[in-house]
Amino acid sequence: GKLDLFHSPDFVLPPTRGNIPTLLTVHDLSFVHFPHVYTKTLVDYLNKVVPWSVGRATHILADSQATKRDIVALWGTPADKVTVLYAAAGAEFVPVTDKTLCQTVRERYGLGDKPYLLAVGTVQPRKNYQRLIRAFRPIAANWPHNLVIAGGKGWLYDDILAEIAAQGLTGRVIFTDFVADKDLPALYSEATLFLMPSIYEGFGIPILEAMGCGVPVISSNASCLPEVVGDAGVLLSPDDEKAWTDTIHLLLLDAPRRSHLVGKGAIQARKFRWSAAARQLKAIYRQFIEK
């Protein structure tokens, strides 16, 4: 049968025949802004194929207003050729109150019984974990909390892992490696604070997952993250280690403020829904099929 529309959901648009309308999703342009956090082979490849794909596509979908601005500014793409399609957290990201389940998840990932601060994301330089580990050192000296970093090993991560020993934090910073989807809600729910120190993101779903699970959020103010956090978390420069240390310390001292952020976070997370994204995408499909 005849192809009505071709949608590539991940940066690269393969050649298509005829006059088929094409949609391309571009999640972020971190490979342009921060090439040093990727392998040279990957950067060279993306710098060739992504601008070429953006130029050829009938229409572009971006994960955030920040990514849309990047696409328009870097490659001269007309603004009306780019539509923002927000992601969301899954419906399963709600507070987990089953203590047996939470204990099972703690045991599965070697988290012990101590309270912890949580960061979630692939272990790679763009996540800014080295700075977070350094910012955590004064916290570890004054609080019982561990720092848990949940995510599989990505690339260029040796220096990140070495920072733990360099800061004398062996045993206080825990890398879980990959966490199964079914365990994530309990992992979030057990955390005292959620930390997102990234230097650049296309969207930042873990922020909404944490908010859905009732965890106060401290986030970097880089790229799209203020769009996702809104007024429901604390925004800090990803470069200011002292600000991260001080803010973590103040929030650990201030239970009423943490509760206030939890309430605002629940409202913010509800603003992003996969059902709304699906309706918007369906309308976009229809728009280009009917042209």
Protein backbone atom coordinates (compact mmCIF):
# COMPACT_ATOMS: atom_id res chain seq x y z
CA GLY A 1 0.00 0.00 0.00
CA LYS A 2 0.90 3.66 -0.30
CA LEU A 3 2.95 5.19 2.51
CA ASP A 4 1.18 8.29 3.88
CA LEU A 5 3.84 9.58 6.26
CA PHE A 6 7.30 8.61 7.51
CA HIS A 7 8.31 9.54 11.09
CA SER A 8 11.86 9.01 12.34
CA PRO A 9 11.77 9.30 16.17
CA ASP A 10 15.50 9.64 16.78
CA PHE A 11 17.62 12.32 15.02
CA VAL A 12 18.30 10.66 11.66
CA LEU A 13 16.02 10.65 8.60
CA PRO A 14 16.80 7.86 6.14
CA PRO A 15 16.22 8.51 2.43
CA THR A 16 12.57 8.17 1.37
CA ARG A 17 11.04 7.82 -2.11
CA GLY A 18 8.62 10.18 -3.74
CA ASN A 19 6.82 13.06 -2.06
CA ILE A 20 6.03 11.33 1.24
CA PRO A 21 5.81 13.86 4.09
CA THR A 22 8.50 13.20 6.71
CA LEU A 23 8.64 13.99 10.41
CA LEU A 24 11.88 13.99 12.39
CA THR A 25 12.21 14.04 16.19
CA VAL A 26 15.31 15.86 17.52
CA HIS A 27 15.71 15.31 21.26
CA ASP A 28 18.63 17.63 21.98
CA LEU A 29 21.73 19.17 20.43
CA SER A 30 24.22 18.33 23.16
CA PHE A 31 26.64 16.95 20.56
CA VAL A 32 26.91 20.52 19.15
CA HIS A 33 27.18 22.37 22.47
CA PHE A 34 29.31 19.85 24.38
CA PRO A 35 31.20 17.69 21.85
CA HIS A 36 33.85 16.84 24.48
CA VAL A 37 31.35 14.68 26.39
CA TYR A 38 31.01 12.25 23.47
CA THR A 39 33.38 10.14 21.42
CA LYS A 40 34.80 11.92 18.34
CA THR A 41 33.34 9.27 16.02
CA LEU A 42 29.81 9.90 17.30
CA VAL A 43 30.16 13.70 17.16
CA ASP A 44 31.48 13.60 13.58
CA TYR A 45 28.61 11.33 12.52
CA LEU A 46 25.88 13.41 14.20
CA ASN A 47 27.27 16.70 12.87
CA LYS A 48 26.94 15.31 9.35
CA VAL A 49 23.60 13.50 9.45
CA VAL A 50 21.46 15.57 11.85
CA PRO A 51 21.66 18.96 10.02
CA TRP A 52 21.14 17.08 6.72
CA SER A 53 18.10 15.29 8.17
CA VAL A 54 16.66 18.51 9.63
CA GLY A 55 17.02 20.22 6.27
CA ARG A 56 15.24 17.39 4.41
CA ALA A 57 12.38 16.73 6.84
CA THR A 58 8.94 18.20 6.14
CA HIS A 59 8.56 19.04 9.84
CA ILE A 60 10.59 18.71 13.05
CA LEU A 61 9.45 17.65 16.53
CA ALA A 62 11.52 18.94 19.46
CA ASP A 63 11.38 17.74 23.08
CA SER A 64 11.38 21.28 24.53
CA GLN A 65 11.32 24.98 23.72
CA ALA A 66 15.06 25.02 24.47
CA THR A 67 15.72 22.38 21.80
CA LYS A 68 13.48 24.22 19.32
CA ARG A 69 15.44 27.45 19.93
CA ASP A 70 18.68 25.54 19.32
CA ILE A 71 17.47 24.06 16.02
CA VAL A 72 16.30 27.48 14.78
CA ALA A 73 19.44 29.33 15.92
CA LEU A 74 22.08 26.79 14.84
CA TRP A 75 20.78 25.76 11.44
CA GLY A 76 18.50 28.60 10.39
CA THR A 77 15.46 26.33 10.46
CA PRO A 78 12.20 28.34 10.19
CA ALA A 79 10.51 28.43 13.61
CA ASP A 80 7.19 27.33 12.09
CA LYS A 81 8.87 24.13 10.85
CA VAL A 82 9.48 23.01 14.47
CA THR A 83 6.81 21.89 16.96
CA VAL A 84 7.48 21.20 20.64
CA LEU A 85 6.11 17.83 21.77
CA TYR A 86 6.64 17.37 25.51
CA ALA A 87 7.31 13.98 27.07
CA ALA A 88 6.00 12.88 30.49
CA ALA A 89 6.58 10.47 33.35
CA GLY A 90 4.68 7.20 33.30
CA ALA A 91 1.52 6.77 35.37
CA GLU A 92 3.41 4.32 37.63
CA PHE A 93 5.48 7.15 39.13
CA VAL A 94 3.51 7.75 42.31
CA PRO A 95 4.67 7.50 45.95
CA VAL A 96 5.35 3.88 46.95
CA THR A 97 4.11 3.29 50.49
CA ASP A 98 4.69 -0.48 50.62
CA LYS A 99 7.70 -0.64 52.98
CA THR A 100 8.35 -4.32 52.18
CA LEU A 101 8.68 -3.47 48.49
CA CYS A 102 10.92 -0.50 49.27
CA GLN A 103 13.15 -2.68 51.46
CA THR A 104 13.39 -5.29 48.70
CA VAL A 105 14.53 -2.62 46.23
CA ARG A 106 17.06 -1.27 48.74
CA GLU A 107 18.51 -4.77 49.17
CA ARG A 108 18.50 -5.49 45.42
CA TYR A 109 20.75 -2.47 44.72
CA GLY A 110 22.90 -2.59 47.85
CA LEU A 111 21.55 0.65 49.35
CA GLY A 112 21.55 -0.43 53.00
CA ASP A 113 19.32 1.33 55.53
CA LYS A 114 20.75 4.86 55.43
CA PRO A 115 18.76 7.77 53.99
CA TYR A 116 19.96 8.86 50.55
CA LEU A 117 20.00 11.60 47.95
CA LEU A 118 19.24 10.35 44.45
CA ALA A 119 20.38 11.16 40.91
CA VAL A 120 19.10 9.16 37.93
CA GLY A 121 20.66 8.94 34.48
CA THR A 122 23.33 7.24 32.38
CA VAL A 123 26.83 7.64 33.81
CA GLN A 124 28.47 9.99 31.29
CA PRO A 125 30.05 13.49 31.45
CA ARG A 126 26.97 15.51 30.43
CA LYS A 127 25.23 14.45 33.65
CA ASN A 128 27.81 16.46 35.66
CA TYR A 129 28.21 13.75 38.31
CA GLN A 130 31.83 14.70 39.07
CA ARG A 131 30.76 18.12 40.31
CA LEU A 132 27.85 16.57 42.21
CA ILE A 133 30.23 14.17 43.96
CA ARG A 134 32.47 17.08 44.96
CA ALA A 135 29.45 19.08 46.18
CA PHE A 136 28.35 16.06 48.21
CA ARG A 137 31.62 15.78 50.15
CA PRO A 138 30.70 18.41 52.83
CA ILE A 139 27.23 16.85 53.06
CA ALA A 140 28.73 13.43 53.74
CA ALA A 141 30.82 14.96 56.53
CA ASN A 142 27.73 16.35 58.31
CA TRP A 143 24.80 14.10 57.40
CA PRO A 144 24.16 10.34 57.40
CA HIS A 145 22.80 10.41 53.84
CA ASN A 146 24.51 8.55 51.03
CA LEU A 147 24.48 9.71 47.42
CA VAL A 148 22.91 7.14 45.08
CA ILE A 149 23.52 7.48 41.33
CA ALA A 150 21.18 5.19 39.41
CA GLY A 151 21.99 4.48 35.78
CA GLY A 152 23.99 2.26 33.50
CA LYS A 153 27.53 3.10 32.44
CA GLY A 154 27.48 5.21 29.30
CA TRP A 155 30.78 6.55 27.94
CA LEU A 156 33.83 8.49 29.17
CA TYR A 157 32.91 7.54 32.74
CA ASP A 158 36.28 6.52 34.23
CA ASP A 159 36.98 10.00 35.65
CA ILE A 160 33.51 10.08 37.21
CA LEU A 161 34.07 6.80 39.05
CA ALA A 162 37.59 7.89 40.07
CA GLU A 163 36.19 11.06 41.68
CA ILE A 164 34.61 9.01 44.49
CA ALA A 165 37.96 7.76 45.79
CA ALA A 166 39.59 11.15 45.09
CA GLN A 167 37.06 12.79 47.44
CA GLY A 168 37.38 10.06 50.08
CA LEU A 169 33.77 9.02 49.54
CA THR A 170 34.14 5.29 48.95
CA GLY A 171 31.05 3.68 50.48
CA ARG A 172 29.14 6.98 50.61
CA VAL A 173 28.50 7.30 46.85
CA ILE A 174 26.70 4.26 45.44
CA PHE A 175 26.43 3.52 41.72
CA THR A 176 23.56 1.07 41.23
CA ASP A 177 24.26 0.44 37.52
CA PHE A 178 21.10 -0.23 35.47
CA VAL A 179 17.85 -0.17 37.50
CA ALA A 180 14.85 -2.16 36.24
CA ASP A 181 11.82 -0.02 35.33
CA LYS A 182 9.66 -1.83 37.89
CA ASP A 183 12.04 -0.81 40.70
CA LEU A 184 12.30 2.89 39.85
CA PRO A 185 9.17 4.17 41.67
CA ALA A 186 10.33 2.60 44.95
CA LEU A 187 13.89 3.87 44.40
CA TYR A 188 12.58 7.43 43.97
CA SER A 189 10.10 7.14 46.85
CA GLU A 190 12.83 6.21 49.34
CA ALA A 191 14.99 9.26 48.45
CA THR A 192 15.12 12.37 50.65
CA LEU A 193 16.00 14.65 47.71
CA PHE A 194 16.30 14.23 43.94
CA LEU A 195 19.28 15.93 42.27
CA MET A 196 19.63 16.76 38.54
CA PRO A 197 22.94 18.59 38.01
CA SER A 198 23.13 18.04 34.22
CA ILE A 199 24.91 20.59 32.01
CA TYR A 200 22.43 19.98 29.17
CA GLU A 201 19.24 17.99 28.56
CA GLY A 202 16.69 17.71 25.78
CA PHE A 203 13.89 17.24 28.31
CA GLY A 204 14.56 15.64 31.70
CA ILE A 205 11.93 12.97 32.42
CA PRO A 206 13.59 11.88 35.73
CA ILE A 207 12.56 15.25 37.24
CA LEU A 208 8.89 14.47 36.58
CA GLU A 209 9.33 10.88 37.80
CA ALA A 210 10.78 12.19 41.08
CA MET A 211 8.01 14.78 41.48
CA GLY A 212 5.39 12.11 40.79
CA CYS A 213 6.90 9.96 43.54
CA GLY A 214 6.78 12.80 46.07
CA VAL A 215 10.49 13.74 46.16
CA PRO A 216 11.70 17.37 46.40
CA VAL A 217 13.82 18.36 43.39
CA ILE A 218 17.03 20.37 43.06
CA SER A 219 17.91 20.85 39.39
CA SER A 220 20.41 22.53 37.14
CA ASN A 221 19.06 25.64 35.41
CA ALA A 222 20.65 24.62 32.09
CA SER A 223 18.89 24.24 28.72
CA CYS A 224 15.30 22.93 29.02
CA LEU A 225 15.33 22.07 32.71
CA PRO A 226 13.59 25.28 33.93
CA GLU A 227 10.69 24.39 31.54
CA VAL A 228 10.29 21.02 33.24
CA VAL A 229 10.84 22.14 36.84
CA GLY A 230 8.71 25.29 36.65
CA ASP A 231 8.35 26.79 40.14
CA ALA A 232 8.19 23.33 41.75
CA GLY A 233 11.88 22.83 42.50
CA VAL A 234 15.11 24.67 43.25
CA LEU A 235 17.15 25.71 40.20
CA LEU A 236 20.94 26.17 40.46
CA SER A 237 23.84 26.76 38.10
CA PRO A 238 25.38 23.39 37.17
CA ASP A 239 28.83 24.96 37.67
CA ASP A 240 28.37 26.23 41.23
CA GLU A 241 29.40 23.39 43.55
CA LYS A 242 29.06 25.52 46.68
CA ALA A 243 25.47 26.47 45.80
CA TRP A 244 24.63 22.76 45.45
CA THR A 245 26.23 21.95 48.80
CA ASP A 246 24.51 24.85 50.58
CA THR A 247 21.08 24.16 49.04
CA ILE A 248 21.20 20.44 49.86
CA HIS A 249 22.20 21.29 53.43
CA LEU A 250 19.41 23.88 53.83
CA LEU A 251 16.75 21.55 52.44
CA LEU A 252 17.85 18.70 54.69
CA LEU A 253 17.39 21.08 57.63
CA ASP A 254 13.99 22.35 56.46
CA ALA A 255 11.28 19.64 56.47
CA PRO A 256 8.40 22.14 55.90
CA ARG A 257 10.08 23.48 52.77
CA ARG A 258 10.64 19.94 51.49
CA SER A 259 6.93 19.24 52.03
CA HIS A 260 6.01 22.44 50.18
CA LEU A 261 8.15 21.37 47.20
CA VAL A 262 6.57 17.90 47.23
CA GLY A 263 3.10 19.48 46.92
CA LYS A 264 4.17 21.78 44.10
CA GLY A 265 5.99 18.91 42.38
CA ALA A 266 2.85 16.76 42.28
CA ILE A 267 0.99 19.58 40.52
CA GLN A 268 3.87 20.20 38.09
CA ALA A 269 4.19 16.51 37.15
CA ARG A 270 0.48 16.38 36.29
CA LYS A 271 0.97 19.13 33.66
CA PHE A 272 2.88 16.61 31.50
CA ARG A 273 0.84 13.63 30.29
CA TRP A 274 1.59 10.96 27.68
CA SER A 275 -2.10 11.01 26.72
CA ALA A 276 -1.80 14.71 25.81
CA ALA A 277 1.41 14.01 23.86
CA ALA A 278 -0.34 11.20 21.97
CA ARG A 279 -3.29 13.45 21.05
CA GLN A 280 -0.92 16.18 19.85
CA LEU A 281 1.14 13.71 17.78
CA LYS A 282 -2.02 12.23 16.24
CA ALA A 283 -3.15 15.73 15.22
CA ILE A 284 0.26 16.43 13.65
CA TYR A 285 0.13 13.14 11.72
CA ARG A 286 -3.33 13.99 10.45
CA GLN A 287 -2.27 17.51 9.46
CA PHE A 288 0.50 16.22 7.16
CA ILE A 289 -1.38 13.20 5.80
CA GLU A 290 -4.34 15.38 4.78
CA LYS A 291 -2.23 18.06 3.06
